Amino acid sequence: MTAVDLVRRLAELEQRVAALEGDEREALPVTDSGAFGYGGQVALGDERVSWQIDVTPERALSLPDRPRIEVLSALAHPVRVELVRTLLARGAQPATALQEAARLGSTGQLYHHLKALTASGVVEQDKRGTYRLRPAATVPVLVLLTAASDVAGQLGS
């Protein structure tokens, strides 16, 4: 049995389990080039966030570049990663707490970084003026940071 056969069988099993559990997501068909995915569960304070996605290489490579480049750019700064780390560890935070956690000297610096994170969809602001990681972005952001660490050789073999 080839790797593509295993991926196809796994995708078929996931579809069957999803149907049994009432998951309404439509699974993408596995192609000869394969499929890949990621998922996980993260606790953010009292909230539990779950995410699972599976795609084919063709689908992943056919998506418009601009939105994904905005996300990657938003995460490509040490202050922004520190803000994400703080929101993951502490949950929703007011701007003053984020400014302190990131050790920024001015609110202008903070809002510059928050603008990039909110514009990309990584972070959102609620009606009370606090910021939080957007729940649907939580696991994908952790995967991006972990994948970058893997590419950089930080995770070992």
Protein backbone atom coordinates (compact mmCIF):
# COMPACT_ATOMS: atom_id res chain seq x y z
CA MET A 1 0.00 0.00 0.00
CA THR A 2 1.43 3.39 -1.01
CA ALA A 3 1.44 6.57 1.03
CA VAL A 4 -1.21 8.05 -1.28
CA ASP A 5 -3.41 5.00 -0.65
CA LEU A 6 -3.00 5.48 3.11
CA VAL A 7 -3.85 9.16 2.87
CA ARG A 8 -6.92 8.37 0.75
CA ARG A 9 -8.07 5.67 3.20
CA LEU A 10 -7.54 8.00 6.16
CA ALA A 11 -9.54 10.76 4.46
CA GLU A 12 -12.36 8.30 3.74
CA LEU A 13 -12.38 7.15 7.37
CA GLU A 14 -12.43 10.76 8.58
CA GLN A 15 -15.41 11.44 6.31
CA ARG A 16 -17.26 8.43 7.71
CA VAL A 17 -16.51 9.39 11.32
CA ALA A 18 -17.54 13.00 10.63
CA ALA A 19 -20.81 11.78 9.15
CA LEU A 20 -21.45 9.57 12.19
CA GLU A 21 -20.67 12.44 14.57
CA GLY A 22 -22.80 14.90 12.65
CA ASP A 23 -19.89 17.08 11.49
CA GLU A 24 -21.25 19.20 8.66
CA ARG A 25 -17.88 20.11 7.14
CA GLU A 26 -17.48 18.90 3.62
CA ALA A 27 -14.31 16.83 3.28
CA LEU A 28 -12.15 17.49 0.26
CA PRO A 29 -11.42 14.51 -1.97
CA VAL A 30 -7.89 13.11 -1.82
CA THR A 31 -6.05 13.40 -5.13
CA ASP A 32 -3.13 11.45 -6.53
CA SER A 33 -0.83 14.18 -5.19
CA GLY A 34 -2.05 13.45 -1.65
CA ALA A 35 -3.54 15.47 1.16
CA PHE A 36 -2.37 17.03 4.39
CA GLY A 37 -3.89 18.72 7.37
CA TYR A 38 -3.56 19.91 10.91
CA GLY A 39 -5.69 20.31 13.95
CA GLY A 40 -5.77 20.53 17.67
CA GLN A 41 -7.48 21.70 20.83
CA VAL A 42 -6.34 24.62 22.96
CA ALA A 43 -7.70 25.98 26.22
CA LEU A 44 -7.96 29.78 26.30
CA GLY A 45 -9.05 30.60 29.80
CA ASP A 46 -12.48 29.03 30.21
CA GLU A 47 -12.91 28.58 26.47
CA ARG A 48 -11.81 25.46 24.59
CA VAL A 49 -10.94 25.93 20.92
CA SER A 50 -10.89 23.00 18.49
CA TRP A 51 -9.79 23.06 14.89
CA GLN A 52 -9.19 20.48 12.17
CA ILE A 53 -8.58 21.05 8.47
CA ASP A 54 -7.50 18.78 5.64
CA VAL A 55 -6.62 19.96 2.14
CA THR A 56 -5.04 18.73 -1.03
CA PRO A 57 -1.81 20.30 -2.26
CA GLU A 58 -3.68 21.63 -5.30
CA ARG A 59 -6.24 23.41 -3.12
CA ALA A 60 -3.61 24.87 -0.79
CA LEU A 61 -1.53 26.18 -3.69
CA SER A 62 -4.52 27.58 -5.61
CA LEU A 63 -5.66 29.97 -2.86
CA PRO A 64 -5.00 33.70 -3.33
CA ASP A 65 -1.63 34.72 -1.91
CA ARG A 66 -2.49 38.14 -0.46
CA PRO A 67 -4.48 37.00 2.63
CA ARG A 68 -1.92 34.37 3.63
CA ILE A 69 0.97 36.78 3.10
CA GLU A 70 -0.80 39.29 5.38
CA VAL A 71 -1.02 36.65 8.11
CA LEU A 72 2.60 35.63 7.69
CA SER A 73 3.69 39.28 7.69
CA ALA A 74 1.65 39.97 10.82
CA LEU A 75 3.45 37.14 12.61
CA ALA A 76 6.88 38.08 11.25
CA HIS A 77 7.79 40.46 14.06
CA PRO A 78 9.03 39.58 17.56
CA VAL A 79 6.68 42.06 19.27
CA ARG A 80 3.67 40.58 17.49
CA VAL A 81 4.67 37.06 18.42
CA GLU A 82 5.00 38.26 22.03
CA LEU A 83 1.50 39.74 21.84
CA VAL A 84 0.16 36.43 20.49
CA ARG A 85 2.05 34.54 23.22
CA THR A 86 0.51 36.80 25.87
CA LEU A 87 -3.01 36.35 24.50
CA LEU A 88 -2.53 32.58 24.39
CA ALA A 89 -1.26 32.47 27.96
CA ARG A 90 -3.63 34.97 29.58
CA GLY A 91 -6.67 35.13 27.30
CA ALA A 92 -8.28 38.44 26.35
CA GLN A 93 -6.31 41.47 27.54
CA PRO A 94 -6.75 45.24 27.56
CA ALA A 95 -4.29 47.32 25.56
CA THR A 96 -2.46 48.46 28.70
CA ALA A 97 -1.68 44.87 29.71
CA LEU A 98 -0.48 44.05 26.20
CA GLN A 99 1.72 47.15 26.12
CA GLU A 100 3.30 46.10 29.40
CA ALA A 101 3.74 42.45 28.36
CA ALA A 102 5.45 43.45 25.11
CA ARG A 103 7.55 46.07 26.94
CA LEU A 104 6.57 48.82 24.52
CA GLY A 105 7.30 52.44 25.37
CA SER A 106 4.26 53.99 23.72
CA THR A 107 0.68 53.16 22.86
CA GLY A 108 1.47 54.20 19.29
CA GLN A 109 3.91 51.29 18.99
CA LEU A 110 1.35 48.91 20.45
CA TYR A 111 -1.45 49.99 18.13
CA HIS A 112 0.87 49.71 15.13
CA HIS A 113 1.41 46.02 15.95
CA LEU A 114 -2.20 45.39 16.93
CA LYS A 115 -3.34 46.89 13.63
CA ALA A 116 -1.29 44.32 11.70
CA LEU A 117 -2.61 41.47 13.85
CA THR A 118 -6.25 42.57 13.62
CA ALA A 119 -6.13 43.39 9.89
CA SER A 120 -4.83 39.89 9.16
CA GLY A 121 -7.55 38.22 11.27
CA VAL A 122 -5.21 36.82 13.92
CA VAL A 123 -6.50 39.08 16.72
CA GLU A 124 -9.86 40.71 17.31
CA GLN A 125 -11.06 43.49 19.59
CA ASP A 126 -14.26 43.08 21.57
CA LYS A 127 -16.77 45.76 22.52
CA ARG A 128 -15.05 46.39 25.87
CA GLY A 129 -11.80 47.30 24.14
CA THR A 130 -9.93 44.13 25.02
CA TYR A 131 -8.02 42.08 22.49
CA ARG A 132 -8.03 38.34 22.04
CA LEU A 133 -6.85 35.77 19.59
CA ARG A 134 -9.65 35.07 17.16
CA PRO A 135 -10.83 31.56 18.16
CA ALA A 136 -10.77 30.23 14.58
CA ALA A 137 -7.17 31.51 14.24
CA THR A 138 -5.82 30.06 17.48
CA VAL A 139 -4.80 26.56 16.36
CA PRO A 140 -3.69 27.69 12.88
CA VAL A 141 -1.43 30.36 14.43
CA LEU A 142 0.10 27.80 16.78
CA VAL A 143 0.64 25.49 13.81
CA LEU A 144 2.29 28.31 11.82
CA LEU A 145 4.65 29.16 14.66
CA THR A 146 5.46 25.49 15.24
CA ALA A 147 5.99 24.82 11.52
CA ALA A 148 8.33 27.83 11.34
CA SER A 149 10.28 26.41 14.28
CA ASP A 150 10.47 23.06 12.48
CA VAL A 151 11.72 24.65 9.25
CA ALA A 152 14.30 26.59 11.32
CA GLY A 153 15.54 23.29 12.80
CA GLN A 154 14.45 24.08 16.35
CA LEU A 155 12.41 20.92 16.90
CA GLY A 156 15.12 18.40 16.14
CA SER A 157 14.64 15.46 13.86
